[in-house]
Structure formats: C-alpha cells, structure tokens
Amino acid sequence: MDHEIVIAQTTSDDEEQAKSLARGAVESKLAAGVHIDAPITAFYWWQGKVEAAQEWRISYMTSSDRLPALEAWLHERHPYDVPQWVTLPVTGGSEAYLSWVVDETRPQ
C-alpha cells in the first residue's frame, strides 16, 4: 500500500460535541471512520492546578495525506483552548481495511 494510515485522537467534555466532531469529519471525507469511546476520566494540569474532567475520546481513521486538513478542520471547530491532538501510525492491518480508509478519505 502506498498510503500511510494514521489514527488521530482528540477529546471533548461534551458528548454531543464529540458526535458533531466525528460526523463532520466523516461527512467532509477527512476521516473514513471515527470511534467515540465511552466517557473517560481525565486528570491534567491546567493554569497551575490539577483538573479532572469527564471526556469522550474521539479517534479518527485517516490517511496521512488527509491529516493536515483534518487537523486544521478540527482546530477551527474544537471549543478547547488547547485540544488534545495526537497521531498514531498504523503499522499493520488488513489490506482491505487500510485500502477502505484511503478510498473513503479521497477528496471529492
């Protein structure tokens, strides 16, 4: 396969916002699919103190060539000042699935 596949992740403290960020990325062909994990508890430093929050993890399956557009799209819409944005390379998987990701993220 010529294209690299990545999983990009962010979080949201609002379930409806998470669904909106998921659906919008798929509708825009920026991600082939998106998973939203059940609420997780996050602990983190923010403005000099430890915070805790309930969040939903959003995982985008996309191709590396669509990643910059997905990141820009997300940052325009995400309500956090500093949203989590991490990418994980996919180093293996079924050829059929990986091809599907590439096919579904081709710009129209």
N, C-alpha and C. Protein backbone atom coordinates (compact mmCIF):
# COMPACT_ATOMS: atom_id res chain seq x y z
N MET A 1 0.85 -1.19 0.00
CA MET A 1 0.00 0.00 0.00
C MET A 1 0.88 1.23 0.00
N ASP A 2 0.55 2.19 -0.83
CA ASP A 2 1.35 3.40 -0.98
C ASP A 2 1.05 4.45 0.08
N HIS A 3 -0.13 4.42 0.66
CA HIS A 3 -0.52 5.45 1.61
C HIS A 3 -0.32 4.97 3.04
N GLU A 4 0.09 5.90 3.88
CA GLU A 4 0.19 5.59 5.30
C GLU A 4 -1.15 5.90 5.95
N ILE A 5 -1.53 5.06 6.88
CA ILE A 5 -2.78 5.25 7.62
C ILE A 5 -2.41 5.69 9.03
N VAL A 6 -3.17 6.61 9.57
CA VAL A 6 -2.95 7.09 10.93
C VAL A 6 -4.27 7.12 11.69
N ILE A 7 -4.14 7.03 12.98
CA ILE A 7 -5.26 7.27 13.88
C ILE A 7 -4.93 8.56 14.61
N ALA A 8 -5.80 9.54 14.49
CA ALA A 8 -5.62 10.83 15.17
C ALA A 8 -6.64 10.92 16.28
N GLN A 9 -6.24 11.43 17.43
CA GLN A 9 -7.13 11.47 18.58
C GLN A 9 -7.24 12.86 19.19
N THR A 10 -8.45 13.13 19.67
CA THR A 10 -8.72 14.30 20.47
C THR A 10 -9.74 13.89 21.53
N THR A 11 -10.12 14.81 22.37
CA THR A 11 -11.15 14.56 23.38
C THR A 11 -12.12 15.74 23.43
N SER A 12 -13.28 15.49 24.01
CA SER A 12 -14.27 16.53 24.22
C SER A 12 -14.94 16.29 25.56
N ASP A 13 -15.31 17.35 26.25
CA ASP A 13 -16.01 17.19 27.52
C ASP A 13 -17.53 17.18 27.34
N ASP A 14 -17.98 17.12 26.09
CA ASP A 14 -19.41 17.14 25.79
C ASP A 14 -19.70 16.06 24.74
N GLU A 15 -20.59 15.13 25.06
CA GLU A 15 -20.86 14.01 24.16
C GLU A 15 -21.42 14.47 22.82
N GLU A 16 -22.32 15.45 22.82
CA GLU A 16 -22.89 15.93 21.56
C GLU A 16 -21.83 16.62 20.70
N GLN A 17 -20.93 17.35 21.34
CA GLN A 17 -19.82 17.97 20.61
C GLN A 17 -18.93 16.90 20.00
N ALA A 18 -18.66 15.84 20.76
CA ALA A 18 -17.85 14.73 20.24
C ALA A 18 -18.51 14.12 19.01
N LYS A 19 -19.81 13.91 19.07
CA LYS A 19 -20.54 13.34 17.92
C LYS A 19 -20.49 14.29 16.72
N SER A 20 -20.59 15.58 16.98
CA SER A 20 -20.53 16.56 15.90
C SER A 20 -19.14 16.56 15.25
N LEU A 21 -18.09 16.50 16.07
CA LEU A 21 -16.73 16.46 15.54
C LEU A 21 -16.48 15.17 14.77
N ALA A 22 -17.11 14.10 15.18
CA ALA A 22 -16.96 12.82 14.47
C ALA A 22 -17.70 12.84 13.14
N ARG A 23 -18.97 13.17 13.19
CA ARG A 23 -19.79 13.16 11.98
C ARG A 23 -19.27 14.14 10.93
N GLY A 24 -18.90 15.33 11.37
CA GLY A 24 -18.41 16.34 10.44
C GLY A 24 -17.16 15.92 9.71
N ALA A 25 -16.25 15.25 10.40
CA ALA A 25 -15.02 14.79 9.75
C ALA A 25 -15.31 13.71 8.72
N VAL A 26 -16.25 12.82 9.01
CA VAL A 26 -16.61 11.78 8.05
C VAL A 26 -17.34 12.40 6.86
N GLU A 27 -18.29 13.27 7.13
CA GLU A 27 -19.03 13.92 6.04
C GLU A 27 -18.11 14.72 5.13
N SER A 28 -17.04 15.27 5.69
CA SER A 28 -16.08 16.07 4.92
C SER A 28 -15.01 15.22 4.25
N LYS A 29 -15.10 13.90 4.41
CA LYS A 29 -14.12 12.96 3.83
C LYS A 29 -12.72 13.16 4.39
N LEU A 30 -12.65 13.70 5.61
CA LEU A 30 -11.36 13.87 6.27
C LEU A 30 -10.99 12.64 7.06
N ALA A 31 -11.97 11.82 7.40
CA ALA A 31 -11.76 10.56 8.10
C ALA A 31 -12.68 9.53 7.47
N ALA A 32 -12.18 8.31 7.35
CA ALA A 32 -13.01 7.23 6.81
C ALA A 32 -14.00 6.75 7.86
N GLY A 33 -13.57 6.78 9.10
CA GLY A 33 -14.41 6.37 10.21
C GLY A 33 -13.91 7.01 11.48
N VAL A 34 -14.79 7.08 12.47
CA VAL A 34 -14.43 7.68 13.75
C VAL A 34 -15.04 6.85 14.87
N HIS A 35 -14.27 6.62 15.91
CA HIS A 35 -14.78 5.96 17.10
C HIS A 35 -14.83 6.98 18.23
N ILE A 36 -15.90 6.91 19.00
CA ILE A 36 -16.01 7.72 20.21
C ILE A 36 -16.07 6.75 21.37
N ASP A 37 -15.09 6.84 22.26
CA ASP A 37 -15.06 5.96 23.43
C ASP A 37 -16.02 6.47 24.49
N ALA A 38 -16.51 5.53 25.29
CA ALA A 38 -17.37 5.86 26.43
C ALA A 38 -16.65 6.88 27.31
N PRO A 39 -17.38 7.58 28.13
CA PRO A 39 -16.72 8.60 28.96
C PRO A 39 -15.52 8.04 29.71
N ILE A 40 -14.46 8.83 29.70
CA ILE A 40 -13.25 8.52 30.44
C ILE A 40 -13.02 9.65 31.44
N THR A 41 -12.24 9.39 32.45
CA THR A 41 -11.89 10.43 33.40
C THR A 41 -10.47 10.89 33.09
N ALA A 42 -10.32 12.18 32.89
CA ALA A 42 -9.02 12.77 32.58
C ALA A 42 -8.54 13.62 33.75
N PHE A 43 -7.28 13.50 34.08
CA PHE A 43 -6.61 14.36 35.05
C PHE A 43 -5.48 15.07 34.31
N TYR A 44 -5.35 16.36 34.51
CA TYR A 44 -4.35 17.12 33.76
C TYR A 44 -4.06 18.44 34.47
N TRP A 45 -2.89 19.00 34.14
CA TRP A 45 -2.53 20.32 34.64
C TRP A 45 -3.17 21.36 33.73
N TRP A 46 -3.80 22.37 34.32
CA TRP A 46 -4.33 23.49 33.54
C TRP A 46 -4.27 24.74 34.40
N GLN A 47 -3.56 25.74 33.91
CA GLN A 47 -3.42 27.02 34.57
C GLN A 47 -2.97 26.88 36.02
N GLY A 48 -1.94 26.05 36.21
CA GLY A 48 -1.30 25.93 37.51
C GLY A 48 -1.94 25.00 38.51
N LYS A 49 -2.98 24.27 38.13
CA LYS A 49 -3.58 23.33 39.08
C LYS A 49 -4.03 22.07 38.36
N VAL A 50 -4.17 21.01 39.15
CA VAL A 50 -4.62 19.74 38.60
C VAL A 50 -6.14 19.77 38.47
N GLU A 51 -6.60 19.46 37.27
CA GLU A 51 -8.04 19.42 36.97
C GLU A 51 -8.46 17.97 36.72
N ALA A 52 -9.73 17.71 36.86
CA ALA A 52 -10.30 16.41 36.50
C ALA A 52 -11.56 16.69 35.70
N ALA A 53 -11.78 15.88 34.68
CA ALA A 53 -12.95 16.08 33.84
C ALA A 53 -13.38 14.75 33.24
N GLN A 54 -14.66 14.67 32.93
CA GLN A 54 -15.17 13.55 32.17
C GLN A 54 -15.10 13.94 30.70
N GLU A 55 -14.50 13.07 29.88
CA GLU A 55 -14.33 13.37 28.47
C GLU A 55 -14.66 12.15 27.61
N TRP A 56 -14.88 12.42 26.34
CA TRP A 56 -15.08 11.38 25.34
C TRP A 56 -13.89 11.42 24.41
N ARG A 57 -13.21 10.27 24.21
CA ARG A 57 -12.07 10.21 23.31
C ARG A 57 -12.60 9.97 21.89
N ILE A 58 -12.10 10.76 20.95
CA ILE A 58 -12.52 10.68 19.56
C ILE A 58 -11.30 10.23 18.75
N SER A 59 -11.44 9.09 18.06
CA SER A 59 -10.34 8.53 17.27
C SER A 59 -10.74 8.53 15.80
N TYR A 60 -9.95 9.24 15.01
CA TYR A 60 -10.20 9.37 13.57
C TYR A 60 -9.29 8.41 12.81
N MET A 61 -9.85 7.62 11.88
CA MET A 61 -9.07 6.79 10.99
C MET A 61 -8.94 7.55 9.67
N THR A 62 -7.71 7.87 9.30
CA THR A 62 -7.50 8.68 8.11
C THR A 62 -6.19 8.30 7.43
N SER A 63 -5.96 8.87 6.28
CA SER A 63 -4.69 8.67 5.58
C SER A 63 -3.77 9.85 5.90
N SER A 64 -2.48 9.59 5.84
CA SER A 64 -1.52 10.64 6.22
C SER A 64 -1.63 11.87 5.33
N ASP A 65 -2.03 11.69 4.08
CA ASP A 65 -2.14 12.86 3.21
C ASP A 65 -3.34 13.73 3.55
N ARG A 66 -4.34 13.20 4.26
CA ARG A 66 -5.50 14.00 4.68
C ARG A 66 -5.34 14.54 6.10
N LEU A 67 -4.30 14.12 6.78
CA LEU A 67 -4.11 14.52 8.18
C LEU A 67 -4.00 16.03 8.38
N PRO A 68 -3.21 16.77 7.59
CA PRO A 68 -3.14 18.22 7.80
C PRO A 68 -4.51 18.91 7.66
N ALA A 69 -5.30 18.49 6.69
CA ALA A 69 -6.63 19.09 6.51
C ALA A 69 -7.55 18.74 7.68
N LEU A 70 -7.46 17.50 8.18
CA LEU A 70 -8.26 17.10 9.33
C LEU A 70 -7.87 17.91 10.56
N GLU A 71 -6.58 18.09 10.78
CA GLU A 71 -6.12 18.86 11.94
C GLU A 71 -6.61 20.30 11.86
N ALA A 72 -6.49 20.93 10.70
CA ALA A 72 -6.95 22.32 10.55
C ALA A 72 -8.46 22.40 10.77
N TRP A 73 -9.19 21.47 10.20
CA TRP A 73 -10.65 21.43 10.35
C TRP A 73 -11.03 21.32 11.83
N LEU A 74 -10.36 20.40 12.53
CA LEU A 74 -10.68 20.18 13.95
C LEU A 74 -10.39 21.43 14.78
N HIS A 75 -9.23 22.04 14.56
CA HIS A 75 -8.86 23.21 15.37
C HIS A 75 -9.79 24.40 15.13
N GLU A 76 -10.40 24.47 13.97
CA GLU A 76 -11.39 25.53 13.71
C GLU A 76 -12.68 25.32 14.49
N ARG A 77 -12.97 24.06 14.83
CA ARG A 77 -14.26 23.73 15.43
C ARG A 77 -14.21 23.32 16.90
N HIS A 78 -13.03 22.99 17.39
CA HIS A 78 -12.91 22.47 18.75
C HIS A 78 -13.02 23.61 19.76
N PRO A 79 -13.82 23.44 20.81
CA PRO A 79 -14.01 24.52 21.77
C PRO A 79 -12.86 24.70 22.77
N TYR A 80 -11.96 23.74 22.92
CA TYR A 80 -10.87 23.87 23.89
C TYR A 80 -9.84 24.88 23.40
N ASP A 81 -9.20 25.57 24.36
CA ASP A 81 -8.08 26.45 24.03
C ASP A 81 -6.91 25.64 23.46
N VAL A 82 -6.66 24.50 24.08
CA VAL A 82 -5.57 23.62 23.66
C VAL A 82 -6.12 22.19 23.59
N PRO A 83 -6.76 21.84 22.48
CA PRO A 83 -7.29 20.48 22.41
C PRO A 83 -6.19 19.45 22.26
N GLN A 84 -6.43 18.29 22.86
CA GLN A 84 -5.51 17.18 22.62
C GLN A 84 -5.51 16.89 21.13
N TRP A 85 -4.34 16.69 20.56
CA TRP A 85 -4.23 16.26 19.17
C TRP A 85 -2.98 15.41 19.07
N VAL A 86 -3.17 14.11 18.99
CA VAL A 86 -2.06 13.18 18.84
C VAL A 86 -2.35 12.27 17.67
N THR A 87 -1.30 11.82 17.02
CA THR A 87 -1.46 10.89 15.91
C THR A 87 -0.65 9.64 16.17
N LEU A 88 -1.23 8.53 15.78
CA LEU A 88 -0.61 7.23 15.98
C LEU A 88 -0.48 6.55 14.63
N PRO A 89 0.73 6.16 14.24
CA PRO A 89 0.87 5.49 12.95
C PRO A 89 0.27 4.08 13.02
N VAL A 90 -0.36 3.68 11.95
CA VAL A 90 -0.86 2.32 11.84
C VAL A 90 0.23 1.54 11.12
N THR A 91 0.81 0.58 11.80
CA THR A 91 1.96 -0.14 11.24
C THR A 91 1.56 -1.48 10.62
N GLY A 92 0.30 -1.79 10.66
CA GLY A 92 -0.16 -3.04 10.05
C GLY A 92 -1.67 -3.09 10.10
N GLY A 93 -2.21 -4.08 9.46
CA GLY A 93 -3.65 -4.25 9.45
C GLY A 93 -4.09 -4.95 8.18
N SER A 94 -5.36 -5.20 8.09
CA SER A 94 -5.87 -5.88 6.90
C SER A 94 -5.78 -4.95 5.71
N GLU A 95 -5.28 -5.48 4.61
CA GLU A 95 -5.13 -4.69 3.39
C GLU A 95 -6.48 -4.12 2.95
N ALA A 96 -7.54 -4.90 3.10
CA ALA A 96 -8.87 -4.43 2.70
C ALA A 96 -9.30 -3.23 3.54
N TYR A 97 -9.07 -3.29 4.85
CA TYR A 97 -9.45 -2.17 5.72
C TYR A 97 -8.61 -0.93 5.41
N LEU A 98 -7.32 -1.10 5.28
CA LEU A 98 -6.44 0.03 5.02
C LEU A 98 -6.77 0.67 3.67
N SER A 99 -7.09 -0.14 2.68
CA SER A 99 -7.50 0.40 1.38
C SER A 99 -8.81 1.17 1.50
N TRP A 100 -9.72 0.67 2.30
CA TRP A 100 -11.00 1.35 2.52
C TRP A 100 -10.76 2.74 3.12
N VAL A 101 -9.86 2.84 4.10
CA VAL A 101 -9.56 4.14 4.70
C VAL A 101 -9.07 5.12 3.63
N VAL A 102 -8.16 4.67 2.79
CA VAL A 102 -7.62 5.54 1.74
C VAL A 102 -8.74 5.94 0.78
N ASP A 103 -9.54 4.96 0.34
CA ASP A 103 -10.62 5.26 -0.61
C ASP A 103 -11.62 6.26 -0.05
N GLU A 104 -11.97 6.13 1.20
CA GLU A 104 -13.01 6.98 1.79
C GLU A 104 -12.52 8.36 2.18
N THR A 105 -11.21 8.57 2.15
CA THR A 105 -10.70 9.91 2.51
C THR A 105 -10.19 10.66 1.28
N ARG A 106 -10.43 10.13 0.12
CA ARG A 106 -10.05 10.87 -1.09
C ARG A 106 -10.97 12.08 -1.23
N PRO A 107 -10.40 13.24 -1.49
CA PRO A 107 -11.27 14.43 -1.70
C PRO A 107 -12.20 14.20 -2.89
N GLN A 108 -13.36 14.75 -2.80
CA GLN A 108 -14.34 14.57 -3.88
C GLN A 108 -14.12 15.57 -4.98
